[in-house]
Amino acid sequence: MSKEAGKRYEDLACEYLKENGYRIIARNVAYRFGEIDIVALEGRILVFVEVKGGSSLVLPRYRVDERKIRRLELAAQRYILTEEPKFEEARLDVIEILESGAVNHFRSVGRW
């Protein structure tokens, strides 16, 4: 996927999150071992979002495997340690944007 396409999917995911009451805190937070596409707050819950989009033989959500989830968890832990955001709990979500424009939101895909 091109950078432009990735940005477009992330923009759509941000719109979706805002429409559903989330506040976007950061985008494209990169660390040596991984990148967080979107950091948002849903009330007092800190939400780290991985965005997958596009069309292929495999649904975008299936491109988030255990290895990717582990890297996202490490990046989220680093974000919490370095940015010290105020929150009561945290979770890792995946937002899938299909070619049709449909948005699927999978909550709490990580281990915490």
PDB file of N, CA and C in Angstrom:
ATOM      1  N   MET A   1       0.849  -1.176   0.000  1.00  0.00           N
ATOM      2  CA  MET A   1       0.000   0.000   0.000  1.00  0.00           C
ATOM      3  C   MET A   1       0.894   1.238   0.000  1.00  0.00           C
ATOM      4  N   SER A   2       0.524   2.222  -0.776  1.00  0.00           N
ATOM      5  CA  SER A   2       1.312   3.449  -0.857  1.00  0.00           C
ATOM      6  C   SER A   2       1.096   4.308   0.383  1.00  0.00           C
ATOM      7  N   LYS A   3       2.021   5.238   0.616  1.00  0.00           N
ATOM      8  CA  LYS A   3       1.879   6.156   1.749  1.00  0.00           C
ATOM      9  C   LYS A   3       0.599   6.971   1.632  1.00  0.00           C
ATOM     10  N   GLU A   4       0.263   7.383   0.394  1.00  0.00           N
ATOM     11  CA  GLU A   4      -0.943   8.182   0.180  1.00  0.00           C
ATOM     12  C   GLU A   4      -2.194   7.385   0.549  1.00  0.00           C
ATOM     13  N   ALA A   5      -2.233   6.128   0.135  1.00  0.00           N
ATOM     14  CA  ALA A   5      -3.379   5.278   0.461  1.00  0.00           C
ATOM     15  C   ALA A   5      -3.455   5.057   1.967  1.00  0.00           C
ATOM     16  N   GLY A   6      -2.310   4.792   2.600  1.00  0.00           N
ATOM     17  CA  GLY A   6      -2.287   4.606   4.047  1.00  0.00           C
ATOM     18  C   GLY A   6      -2.790   5.830   4.780  1.00  0.00           C
ATOM     19  N   LYS A   7      -2.377   7.015   4.343  1.00  0.00           N
ATOM     20  CA  LYS A   7      -2.837   8.256   4.968  1.00  0.00           C
ATOM     21  C   LYS A   7      -4.337   8.428   4.775  1.00  0.00           C
ATOM     22  N   ARG A   8      -4.835   8.090   3.586  1.00  0.00           N
ATOM     23  CA  ARG A   8      -6.271   8.208   3.316  1.00  0.00           C
ATOM     24  C   ARG A   8      -7.062   7.291   4.261  1.00  0.00           C
ATOM     25  N   TYR A   9      -6.600   6.057   4.441  1.00  0.00           N
ATOM     26  CA  TYR A   9      -7.288   5.140   5.355  1.00  0.00           C
ATOM     27  C   TYR A   9      -7.219   5.649   6.792  1.00  0.00           C
ATOM     28  N   GLU A  10      -6.079   6.186   7.192  1.00  0.00           N
ATOM     29  CA  GLU A  10      -5.956   6.734   8.544  1.00  0.00           C
ATOM     30  C   GLU A  10      -6.861   7.952   8.726  1.00  0.00           C
ATOM     31  N   ASP A  11      -6.969   8.802   7.704  1.00  0.00           N
ATOM     32  CA  ASP A  11      -7.884   9.953   7.769  1.00  0.00           C
ATOM     33  C   ASP A  11      -9.325   9.477   7.948  1.00  0.00           C
ATOM     34  N   LEU A  12      -9.716   8.457   7.195  1.00  0.00           N
ATOM     35  CA  LEU A  12     -11.072   7.913   7.320  1.00  0.00           C
ATOM     36  C   LEU A  12     -11.298   7.319   8.708  1.00  0.00           C
ATOM     37  N   ALA A  13     -10.294   6.638   9.233  1.00  0.00           N
ATOM     38  CA  ALA A  13     -10.402   6.066  10.578  1.00  0.00           C
ATOM     39  C   ALA A  13     -10.546   7.170  11.623  1.00  0.00           C
ATOM     40  N   CYS A  14      -9.792   8.261  11.471  1.00  0.00           N
ATOM     41  CA  CYS A  14      -9.908   9.390  12.403  1.00  0.00           C
ATOM     42  C   CYS A  14     -11.306   9.996  12.348  1.00  0.00           C
ATOM     43  N   GLU A  15     -11.838  10.161  11.147  1.00  0.00           N
ATOM     44  CA  GLU A  15     -13.204  10.681  11.003  1.00  0.00           C
ATOM     45  C   GLU A  15     -14.192   9.770  11.723  1.00  0.00           C
ATOM     46  N   TYR A  16     -14.055   8.470  11.509  1.00  0.00           N
ATOM     47  CA  TYR A  16     -14.929   7.494  12.161  1.00  0.00           C
ATOM     48  C   TYR A  16     -14.836   7.615  13.686  1.00  0.00           C
ATOM     49  N   LEU A  17     -13.612   7.675  14.194  1.00  0.00           N
ATOM     50  CA  LEU A  17     -13.425   7.766  15.641  1.00  0.00           C
ATOM     51  C   LEU A  17     -14.043   9.043  16.200  1.00  0.00           C
ATOM     52  N   LYS A  18     -13.808  10.173  15.548  1.00  0.00           N
ATOM     53  CA  LYS A  18     -14.378  11.444  16.009  1.00  0.00           C
ATOM     54  C   LYS A  18     -15.901  11.394  16.005  1.00  0.00           C
ATOM     55  N   GLU A  19     -16.480  10.826  14.955  1.00  0.00           N
ATOM     56  CA  GLU A  19     -17.940  10.702  14.870  1.00  0.00           C
ATOM     57  C   GLU A  19     -18.498   9.838  15.993  1.00  0.00           C
ATOM     58  N   ASN A  20     -17.662   8.977  16.545  1.00  0.00           N
ATOM     59  CA  ASN A  20     -18.088   8.081  17.615  1.00  0.00           C
ATOM     60  C   ASN A  20     -17.595   8.522  18.988  1.00  0.00           C
ATOM     61  N   GLY A  21     -17.226   9.795  19.115  1.00  0.00           N
ATOM     62  CA  GLY A  21     -16.920  10.367  20.415  1.00  0.00           C
ATOM     63  C   GLY A  21     -15.491  10.260  20.896  1.00  0.00           C
ATOM     64  N   TYR A  22     -14.585   9.822  20.069  1.00  0.00           N
ATOM     65  CA  TYR A  22     -13.179   9.730  20.449  1.00  0.00           C
ATOM     66  C   TYR A  22     -12.496  11.073  20.219  1.00  0.00           C
ATOM     67  N   ARG A  23     -11.453  11.317  21.004  1.00  0.00           N
ATOM     68  CA  ARG A  23     -10.618  12.497  20.795  1.00  0.00           C
ATOM     69  C   ARG A  23      -9.247  12.013  20.326  1.00  0.00           C
ATOM     70  N   ILE A  24      -8.826  12.476  19.161  1.00  0.00           N
ATOM     71  CA  ILE A  24      -7.535  12.071  18.603  1.00  0.00           C
ATOM     72  C   ILE A  24      -6.425  12.834  19.321  1.00  0.00           C
ATOM     73  N   ILE A  25      -5.447  12.112  19.846  1.00  0.00           N
ATOM     74  CA  ILE A  25      -4.328  12.718  20.568  1.00  0.00           C
ATOM     75  C   ILE A  25      -3.084  12.792  19.694  1.00  0.00           C
ATOM     76  N   ALA A  26      -2.826  11.725  18.938  1.00  0.00           N
ATOM     77  CA  ALA A  26      -1.606  11.676  18.121  1.00  0.00           C
ATOM     78  C   ALA A  26      -1.815  10.732  16.946  1.00  0.00           C
ATOM     79  N   ARG A  27      -0.982  10.941  15.929  1.00  0.00           N
ATOM     80  CA  ARG A  27      -1.002  10.071  14.752  1.00  0.00           C
ATOM     81  C   ARG A  27       0.429   9.728  14.359  1.00  0.00           C
ATOM     82  N   ASN A  28       0.591   8.539  13.829  1.00  0.00           N
ATOM     83  CA  ASN A  28       1.879   8.075  13.311  1.00  0.00           C
ATOM     84  C   ASN A  28       3.022   8.263  14.305  1.00  0.00           C
ATOM     85  N   VAL A  29       2.844   7.686  15.465  1.00  0.00           N
ATOM     86  CA  VAL A  29       3.868   7.726  16.504  1.00  0.00           C
ATOM     87  C   VAL A  29       4.814   6.553  16.251  1.00  0.00           C
ATOM     88  N   ALA A  30       6.052   6.869  15.891  1.00  0.00           N
ATOM     89  CA  ALA A  30       6.994   5.825  15.486  1.00  0.00           C
ATOM     90  C   ALA A  30       8.087   5.610  16.525  1.00  0.00           C
ATOM     91  N   TYR A  31       8.365   4.346  16.768  1.00  0.00           N
ATOM     92  CA  TYR A  31       9.480   3.922  17.606  1.00  0.00           C
ATOM     93  C   TYR A  31      10.286   2.916  16.802  1.00  0.00           C
ATOM     94  N   ARG A  32      11.427   2.578  17.300  1.00  0.00           N
ATOM     95  CA  ARG A  32      12.333   1.655  16.613  1.00  0.00           C
ATOM     96  C   ARG A  32      11.647   0.326  16.280  1.00  0.00           C
ATOM     97  N   PHE A  33      10.769  -0.135  17.141  1.00  0.00           N
ATOM     98  CA  PHE A  33      10.176  -1.465  16.990  1.00  0.00           C
ATOM     99  C   PHE A  33       8.739  -1.447  16.499  1.00  0.00           C
ATOM    100  N   GLY A  34       8.200  -0.279  16.190  1.00  0.00           N
ATOM    101  CA  GLY A  34       6.829  -0.246  15.692  1.00  0.00           C
ATOM    102  C   GLY A  34       6.259   1.150  15.640  1.00  0.00           C
ATOM    103  N   GLU A  35       5.155   1.272  14.938  1.00  0.00           N
ATOM    104  CA  GLU A  35       4.479   2.556  14.794  1.00  0.00           C
ATOM    105  C   GLU A  35       3.021   2.406  15.191  1.00  0.00           C
ATOM    106  N   ILE A  36       2.515   3.416  15.868  1.00  0.00           N
ATOM    107  CA  ILE A  36       1.106   3.465  16.233  1.00  0.00           C
ATOM    108  C   ILE A  36       0.435   4.420  15.252  1.00  0.00           C
ATOM    109  N   ASP A  37      -0.582   3.931  14.544  1.00  0.00           N
ATOM    110  CA  ASP A  37      -1.248   4.781  13.557  1.00  0.00           C
ATOM    111  C   ASP A  37      -2.005   5.928  14.217  1.00  0.00           C
ATOM    112  N   ILE A  38      -2.803   5.607  15.245  1.00  0.00           N
ATOM    113  CA  ILE A  38      -3.621   6.621  15.913  1.00  0.00           C
ATOM    114  C   ILE A  38      -3.619   6.353  17.414  1.00  0.00           C
ATOM    115  N   VAL A  39      -3.478   7.424  18.196  1.00  0.00           N
ATOM    116  CA  VAL A  39      -3.675   7.363  19.641  1.00  0.00           C
ATOM    117  C   VAL A  39      -4.883   8.245  19.921  1.00  0.00           C
ATOM    118  N   ALA A  40      -5.861   7.699  20.639  1.00  0.00           N
ATOM    119  CA  ALA A  40      -7.097   8.440  20.890  1.00  0.00           C
ATOM    120  C   ALA A  40      -7.575   8.191  22.313  1.00  0.00           C
ATOM    121  N   LEU A  41      -8.466   9.048  22.762  1.00  0.00           N
ATOM    122  CA  LEU A  41      -9.128   8.858  24.050  1.00  0.00           C
ATOM    123  C   LEU A  41     -10.609   8.616  23.813  1.00  0.00           C
ATOM    124  N   GLU A  42     -11.123   7.576  24.452  1.00  0.00           N
ATOM    125  CA  GLU A  42     -12.561   7.331  24.496  1.00  0.00           C
ATOM    126  C   GLU A  42     -12.945   7.492  25.961  1.00  0.00           C
ATOM    127  N   GLY A  43     -13.371   8.692  26.310  1.00  0.00           N
ATOM    128  CA  GLY A  43     -13.563   9.002  27.722  1.00  0.00           C
ATOM    129  C   GLY A  43     -12.214   8.993  28.412  1.00  0.00           C
ATOM    130  N   ARG A  44     -12.046   8.104  29.403  1.00  0.00           N
ATOM    131  CA  ARG A  44     -10.769   7.978  30.122  1.00  0.00           C
ATOM    132  C   ARG A  44      -9.981   6.744  29.668  1.00  0.00           C
ATOM    133  N   ILE A  45     -10.393   6.151  28.546  1.00  0.00           N
ATOM    134  CA  ILE A  45      -9.695   4.981  28.006  1.00  0.00           C
ATOM    135  C   ILE A  45      -8.755   5.434  26.900  1.00  0.00           C
ATOM    136  N   LEU A  46      -7.485   5.100  27.052  1.00  0.00           N
ATOM    137  CA  LEU A  46      -6.477   5.408  26.047  1.00  0.00           C
ATOM    138  C   LEU A  46      -6.498   4.280  25.011  1.00  0.00           C
ATOM    139  N   VAL A  47      -6.726   4.646  23.751  1.00  0.00           N
ATOM    140  CA  VAL A  47      -6.905   3.648  22.697  1.00  0.00           C
ATOM    141  C   VAL A  47      -5.808   3.805  21.649  1.00  0.00           C
ATOM    142  N   PHE A  48      -5.084   2.727  21.419  1.00  0.00           N
ATOM    143  CA  PHE A  48      -4.057   2.677  20.384  1.00  0.00           C
ATOM    144  C   PHE A  48      -4.676   1.947  19.194  1.00  0.00           C
ATOM    145  N   VAL A  49      -4.662   2.588  18.029  1.00  0.00           N
ATOM    146  CA  VAL A  49      -5.391   2.058  16.877  1.00  0.00           C
ATOM    147  C   VAL A  49      -4.446   1.724  15.725  1.00  0.00           C
ATOM    148  N   GLU A  50      -4.568   0.515  15.237  1.00  0.00           N
ATOM    149  CA  GLU A  50      -3.900   0.088  14.012  1.00  0.00           C
ATOM    150  C   GLU A  50      -4.937   0.141  12.897  1.00  0.00           C
ATOM    151  N   VAL A  51      -4.610   0.806  11.803  1.00  0.00           N
ATOM    152  CA  VAL A  51      -5.535   0.955  10.681  1.00  0.00           C
ATOM    153  C   VAL A  51      -5.066   0.072   9.531  1.00  0.00           C
ATOM    154  N   LYS A  52      -5.990  -0.709   9.007  1.00  0.00           N
ATOM    155  CA  LYS A  52      -5.703  -1.538   7.835  1.00  0.00           C
ATOM    156  C   LYS A  52      -6.795  -1.290   6.809  1.00  0.00           C
ATOM    157  N   GLY A  53      -6.389  -1.138   5.570  1.00  0.00           N
ATOM    158  CA  GLY A  53      -7.372  -0.894   4.525  1.00  0.00           C
ATOM    159  C   GLY A  53      -6.941  -1.480   3.212  1.00  0.00           C
ATOM    160  N   GLY A  54      -7.853  -1.386   2.262  1.00  0.00           N
ATOM    161  CA  GLY A  54      -7.522  -1.808   0.919  1.00  0.00           C
ATOM    162  C   GLY A  54      -8.315  -3.003   0.466  1.00  0.00           C
ATOM    163  N   SER A  55      -7.910  -3.486  -0.655  1.00  0.00           N
ATOM    164  CA  SER A  55      -8.570  -4.657  -1.221  1.00  0.00           C
ATOM    165  C   SER A  55      -7.497  -5.658  -1.622  1.00  0.00           C
ATOM    166  N   SER A  56      -7.775  -6.870  -1.337  1.00  0.00           N
ATOM    167  CA  SER A  56      -6.889  -7.959  -1.733  1.00  0.00           C
ATOM    168  C   SER A  56      -7.671  -9.244  -1.550  1.00  0.00           C
ATOM    169  N   LEU A  57      -7.041 -10.343  -1.771  1.00  0.00           N
ATOM    170  CA  LEU A  57      -7.710 -11.621  -1.553  1.00  0.00           C
ATOM    171  C   LEU A  57      -7.958 -11.870  -0.073  1.00  0.00           C
ATOM    172  N   VAL A  58      -7.173 -11.196   0.773  1.00  0.00           N
ATOM    173  CA  VAL A  58      -7.278 -11.351   2.218  1.00  0.00           C
ATOM    174  C   VAL A  58      -7.848 -10.067   2.806  1.00  0.00           C
ATOM    175  N   LEU A  59      -8.838 -10.194   3.685  1.00  0.00           N
ATOM    176  CA  LEU A  59      -9.382  -9.002   4.341  1.00  0.00           C
ATOM    177  C   LEU A  59      -8.271  -8.274   5.090  1.00  0.00           C
ATOM    178  N   PRO A  60      -8.300  -6.949   5.086  1.00  0.00           N
ATOM    179  CA  PRO A  60      -7.230  -6.176   5.741  1.00  0.00           C
ATOM    180  C   PRO A  60      -6.975  -6.576   7.191  1.00  0.00           C
ATOM    181  N   ARG A  61      -8.028  -6.903   7.930  1.00  0.00           N
ATOM    182  CA  ARG A  61      -7.861  -7.242   9.357  1.00  0.00           C
ATOM    183  C   ARG A  61      -6.921  -8.424   9.563  1.00  0.00           C
ATOM    184  N   TYR A  62      -6.854  -9.323   8.593  1.00  0.00           N
ATOM    185  CA  TYR A  62      -6.012 -10.511   8.743  1.00  0.00           C
ATOM    186  C   TYR A  62      -4.530 -10.216   8.543  1.00  0.00           C
ATOM    187  N   ARG A  63      -4.215  -8.983   8.196  1.00  0.00           N
ATOM    188  CA  ARG A  63      -2.809  -8.590   8.098  1.00  0.00           C
ATOM    189  C   ARG A  63      -2.257  -8.153   9.463  1.00  0.00           C
ATOM    190  N   VAL A  64      -3.096  -8.209  10.485  1.00  0.00           N
ATOM    191  CA  VAL A  64      -2.642  -7.921  11.853  1.00  0.00           C
ATOM    192  C   VAL A  64      -2.506  -9.269  12.563  1.00  0.00           C
ATOM    193  N   ASP A  65      -1.276  -9.776  12.593  1.00  0.00           N
ATOM    194  CA  ASP A  65      -1.026 -11.070  13.212  1.00  0.00           C
ATOM    195  C   ASP A  65      -0.448 -10.884  14.620  1.00  0.00           C
ATOM    196  N   GLU A  66      -0.142 -12.001  15.276  1.00  0.00           N
ATOM    197  CA  GLU A  66       0.387 -11.946  16.649  1.00  0.00           C
ATOM    198  C   GLU A  66       1.673 -11.128  16.738  1.00  0.00           C
ATOM    199  N   ARG A  67       2.535 -11.267  15.763  1.00  0.00           N
ATOM    200  CA  ARG A  67       3.793 -10.508  15.772  1.00  0.00           C
ATOM    201  C   ARG A  67       3.516  -9.009  15.703  1.00  0.00           C
ATOM    202  N   LYS A  68       2.590  -8.613  14.839  1.00  0.00           N
ATOM    203  CA  LYS A  68       2.232  -7.200  14.705  1.00  0.00           C
ATOM    204  C   LYS A  68       1.602  -6.686  15.999  1.00  0.00           C
ATOM    205  N   ILE A  69       0.732  -7.479  16.595  1.00  0.00           N
ATOM    206  CA  ILE A  69       0.098  -7.074  17.854  1.00  0.00           C
ATOM    207  C   ILE A  69       1.156  -6.873  18.928  1.00  0.00           C
ATOM    208  N   ARG A  70       2.123  -7.760  19.010  1.00  0.00           N
ATOM    209  CA  ARG A  70       3.187  -7.634  20.020  1.00  0.00           C
ATOM    210  C   ARG A  70       3.978  -6.348  19.803  1.00  0.00           C
ATOM    211  N   ARG A  71       4.303  -6.028  18.562  1.00  0.00           N
ATOM    212  CA  ARG A  71       5.043  -4.791  18.266  1.00  0.00           C
ATOM    213  C   ARG A  71       4.209  -3.556  18.631  1.00  0.00           C
ATOM    214  N   LEU A  72       2.915  -3.617  18.368  1.00  0.00           N
ATOM    215  CA  LEU A  72       2.026  -2.506  18.728  1.00  0.00           C
ATOM    216  C   LEU A  72       1.954  -2.343  20.245  1.00  0.00           C
ATOM    217  N   GLU A  73       1.898  -3.454  20.956  1.00  0.00           N
ATOM    218  CA  GLU A  73       1.876  -3.388  22.418  1.00  0.00           C
ATOM    219  C   GLU A  73       3.158  -2.759  22.955  1.00  0.00           C
ATOM    220  N   LEU A  74       4.296  -3.128  22.390  1.00  0.00           N
ATOM    221  CA  LEU A  74       5.566  -2.524  22.817  1.00  0.00           C
ATOM    222  C   LEU A  74       5.581  -1.024  22.537  1.00  0.00           C
ATOM    223  N   ALA A  75       5.099  -0.633  21.367  1.00  0.00           N
ATOM    224  CA  ALA A  75       5.043   0.791  21.025  1.00  0.00           C
ATOM    225  C   ALA A  75       4.088   1.529  21.961  1.00  0.00           C
ATOM    226  N   ALA A  76       2.962   0.911  22.287  1.00  0.00           N
ATOM    227  CA  ALA A  76       1.997   1.533  23.198  1.00  0.00           C
ATOM    228  C   ALA A  76       2.609   1.706  24.589  1.00  0.00           C
ATOM    229  N   GLN A  77       3.322   0.696  25.063  1.00  0.00           N
ATOM    230  CA  GLN A  77       3.980   0.806  26.367  1.00  0.00           C
ATOM    231  C   GLN A  77       5.002   1.932  26.366  1.00  0.00           C
ATOM    232  N   ARG A  78       5.763   2.049  25.294  1.00  0.00           N
ATOM    233  CA  ARG A  78       6.747   3.132  25.187  1.00  0.00           C
ATOM    234  C   ARG A  78       6.039   4.493  25.184  1.00  0.00           C
ATOM    235  N   TYR A  79       4.936   4.589  24.456  1.00  0.00           N
ATOM    236  CA  TYR A  79       4.178   5.842  24.407  1.00  0.00           C
ATOM    237  C   TYR A  79       3.725   6.235  25.817  1.00  0.00           C
ATOM    238  N   ILE A  80       3.193   5.288  26.549  1.00  0.00           N
ATOM    239  CA  ILE A  80       2.715   5.564  27.910  1.00  0.00           C
ATOM    240  C   ILE A  80       3.866   6.027  28.795  1.00  0.00           C
ATOM    241  N   LEU A  81       5.021   5.385  28.681  1.00  0.00           N
ATOM    242  CA  LEU A  81       6.179   5.758  29.501  1.00  0.00           C
ATOM    243  C   LEU A  81       6.739   7.133  29.143  1.00  0.00           C
ATOM    244  N   THR A  82       6.771   7.458  27.868  1.00  0.00           N
ATOM    245  CA  THR A  82       7.401   8.719  27.454  1.00  0.00           C
ATOM    246  C   THR A  82       6.449   9.904  27.475  1.00  0.00           C
ATOM    247  N   GLU A  83       5.192   9.692  27.142  1.00  0.00           N
ATOM    248  CA  GLU A  83       4.237  10.803  27.054  1.00  0.00           C
ATOM    249  C   GLU A  83       3.442  11.025  28.334  1.00  0.00           C
ATOM    250  N   GLU A  84       3.369  10.001  29.185  1.00  0.00           N
ATOM    251  CA  GLU A  84       2.649  10.059  30.453  1.00  0.00           C
ATOM    252  C   GLU A  84       1.236  10.628  30.313  1.00  0.00           C
ATOM    253  N   PRO A  85       0.434  10.057  29.420  1.00  0.00           N
ATOM    254  CA  PRO A  85      -0.936  10.555  29.260  1.00  0.00           C
ATOM    255  C   PRO A  85      -1.794  10.205  30.470  1.00  0.00           C
ATOM    256  N   LYS A  86      -2.842  10.977  30.679  1.00  0.00           N
ATOM    257  CA  LYS A  86      -3.789  10.717  31.773  1.00  0.00           C
ATOM    258  C   LYS A  86      -4.873   9.775  31.247  1.00  0.00           C
ATOM    259  N   PHE A  87      -5.002   8.609  31.888  1.00  0.00           N
ATOM    260  CA  PHE A  87      -6.009   7.641  31.470  1.00  0.00           C
ATOM    261  C   PHE A  87      -6.258   6.660  32.604  1.00  0.00           C
ATOM    262  N   GLU A  88      -7.386   5.947  32.540  1.00  0.00           N
ATOM    263  CA  GLU A  88      -7.716   4.949  33.550  1.00  0.00           C
ATOM    264  C   GLU A  88      -7.400   3.532  33.080  1.00  0.00           C
ATOM    265  N   GLU A  89      -7.561   3.292  31.803  1.00  0.00           N
ATOM    266  CA  GLU A  89      -7.196   1.998  31.230  1.00  0.00           C
ATOM    267  C   GLU A  89      -6.792   2.214  29.783  1.00  0.00           C
ATOM    268  N   ALA A  90      -6.210   1.183  29.186  1.00  0.00           N
ATOM    269  CA  ALA A  90      -5.745   1.290  27.802  1.00  0.00           C
ATOM    270  C   ALA A  90      -6.121   0.024  27.053  1.00  0.00           C
ATOM    271  N   ARG A  91      -6.230   0.184  25.740  1.00  0.00           N
ATOM    272  CA  ARG A  91      -6.516  -0.985  24.912  1.00  0.00           C
ATOM    273  C   ARG A  91      -5.961  -0.764  23.509  1.00  0.00           C
ATOM    274  N   LEU A  92      -5.884  -1.854  22.766  1.00  0.00           N
ATOM    275  CA  LEU A  92      -5.410  -1.841  21.386  1.00  0.00           C
ATOM    276  C   LEU A  92      -6.564  -2.261  20.482  1.00  0.00           C
ATOM    277  N   ASP A  93      -6.888  -1.411  19.496  1.00  0.00           N
ATOM    278  CA  ASP A  93      -7.973  -1.678  18.550  1.00  0.00           C
ATOM    279  C   ASP A  93      -7.422  -1.773  17.136  1.00  0.00           C
ATOM    280  N   VAL A  94      -8.183  -2.415  16.272  1.00  0.00           N
ATOM    281  CA  VAL A  94      -7.892  -2.432  14.843  1.00  0.00           C
ATOM    282  C   VAL A  94      -9.109  -1.869  14.121  1.00  0.00           C
ATOM    283  N   ILE A  95      -8.865  -0.933  13.211  1.00  0.00           N
ATOM    284  CA  ILE A  95      -9.926  -0.433  12.342  1.00  0.00           C
ATOM    285  C   ILE A  95      -9.599  -0.875  10.928  1.00  0.00           C
ATOM    286  N   GLU A  96     -10.583  -1.530  10.329  1.00  0.00           N
ATOM    287  CA  GLU A  96     -10.453  -2.033   8.965  1.00  0.00           C
ATOM    288  C   GLU A  96     -11.332  -1.174   8.056  1.00  0.00           C
ATOM    289  N   ILE A  97     -10.744  -0.667   6.980  1.00  0.00           N
ATOM    290  CA  ILE A  97     -11.487   0.111   5.991  1.00  0.00           C
ATOM    291  C   ILE A  97     -11.495  -0.701   4.696  1.00  0.00           C
ATOM    292  N   LEU A  98     -12.676  -1.102   4.282  1.00  0.00           N
ATOM    293  CA  LEU A  98     -12.800  -1.895   3.062  1.00  0.00           C
ATOM    294  C   LEU A  98     -12.901  -0.989   1.840  1.00  0.00           C
ATOM    295  N   GLU A  99     -12.617  -1.551   0.692  1.00  0.00           N
ATOM    296  CA  GLU A  99     -12.679  -0.790  -0.553  1.00  0.00           C
ATOM    297  C   GLU A  99     -14.066  -0.178  -0.762  1.00  0.00           C
ATOM    298  N   SER A 100     -15.103  -0.838  -0.262  1.00  0.00           N
ATOM    299  CA  SER A 100     -16.479  -0.344  -0.384  1.00  0.00           C
ATOM    300  C   SER A 100     -16.725   0.889   0.479  1.00  0.00           C
ATOM    301  N   GLY A 101     -15.796   1.170   1.397  1.00  0.00           N
ATOM    302  CA  GLY A 101     -15.961   2.280   2.327  1.00  0.00           C
ATOM    303  C   GLY A 101     -16.464   1.844   3.693  1.00  0.00           C
ATOM    304  N   ALA A 102     -16.833   0.576   3.821  1.00  0.00           N
ATOM    305  CA  ALA A 102     -17.299   0.060   5.107  1.00  0.00           C
ATOM    306  C   ALA A 102     -16.162   0.099   6.123  1.00  0.00           C
ATOM    307  N   VAL A 103     -16.525   0.426   7.361  1.00  0.00           N
ATOM    308  CA  VAL A 103     -15.556   0.495   8.455  1.00  0.00           C
ATOM    309  C   VAL A 103     -15.912  -0.573   9.480  1.00  0.00           C
ATOM    310  N   ASN A 104     -14.946  -1.400   9.834  1.00  0.00           N
ATOM    311  CA  ASN A 104     -15.111  -2.398  10.889  1.00  0.00           C
ATOM    312  C   ASN A 104     -14.134  -2.062  12.006  1.00  0.00           C
ATOM    313  N   HIS A 105     -14.659  -1.998  13.231  1.00  0.00           N
ATOM    314  CA  HIS A 105     -13.853  -1.609  14.389  1.00  0.00           C
ATOM    315  C   HIS A 105     -13.768  -2.807  15.333  1.00  0.00           C
ATOM    316  N   PHE A 106     -12.561  -3.312  15.527  1.00  0.00           N
ATOM    317  CA  PHE A 106     -12.317  -4.445  16.416  1.00  0.00           C
ATOM    318  C   PHE A 106     -11.635  -3.918  17.673  1.00  0.00           C
ATOM    319  N   ARG A 107     -12.322  -4.022  18.802  1.00  0.00           N
ATOM    320  CA  ARG A 107     -11.821  -3.476  20.063  1.00  0.00           C
ATOM    321  C   ARG A 107     -11.059  -4.536  20.863  1.00  0.00           C
ATOM    322  N   SER A 108     -10.081  -4.061  21.619  1.00  0.00           N
ATOM    323  CA  SER A 108      -9.343  -4.908  22.570  1.00  0.00           C
ATOM    324  C   SER A 108      -8.729  -6.140  21.915  1.00  0.00           C
ATOM    325  N   VAL A 109      -7.912  -5.920  20.898  1.00  0.00           N
ATOM    326  CA  VAL A 109      -7.284  -7.056  20.223  1.00  0.00           C
ATOM    327  C   VAL A 109      -5.978  -7.481  20.887  1.00  0.00           C
ATOM    328  N   GLY A 110      -5.449  -6.659  21.781  1.00  0.00           N
ATOM    329  CA  GLY A 110      -4.191  -6.982  22.444  1.00  0.00           C
ATOM    330  C   GLY A 110      -4.405  -7.815  23.684  1.00  0.00           C
ATOM    331  N   ARG A 111      -3.346  -8.007  24.427  1.00  0.00           N
ATOM    332  CA  ARG A 111      -3.378  -8.843  25.630  1.00  0.00           C
ATOM    333  C   ARG A 111      -3.701  -8.074  26.903  1.00  0.00           C
ATOM    334  N   TRP A 112      -3.855  -6.732  26.805  1.00  0.00           N
ATOM    335  CA  TRP A 112      -4.128  -5.984  28.020  1.00  0.00           C
ATOM    336  C   TRP A 112      -5.350  -5.163  27.951  1.00  0.00           C
TER     337      TRP A 112
END
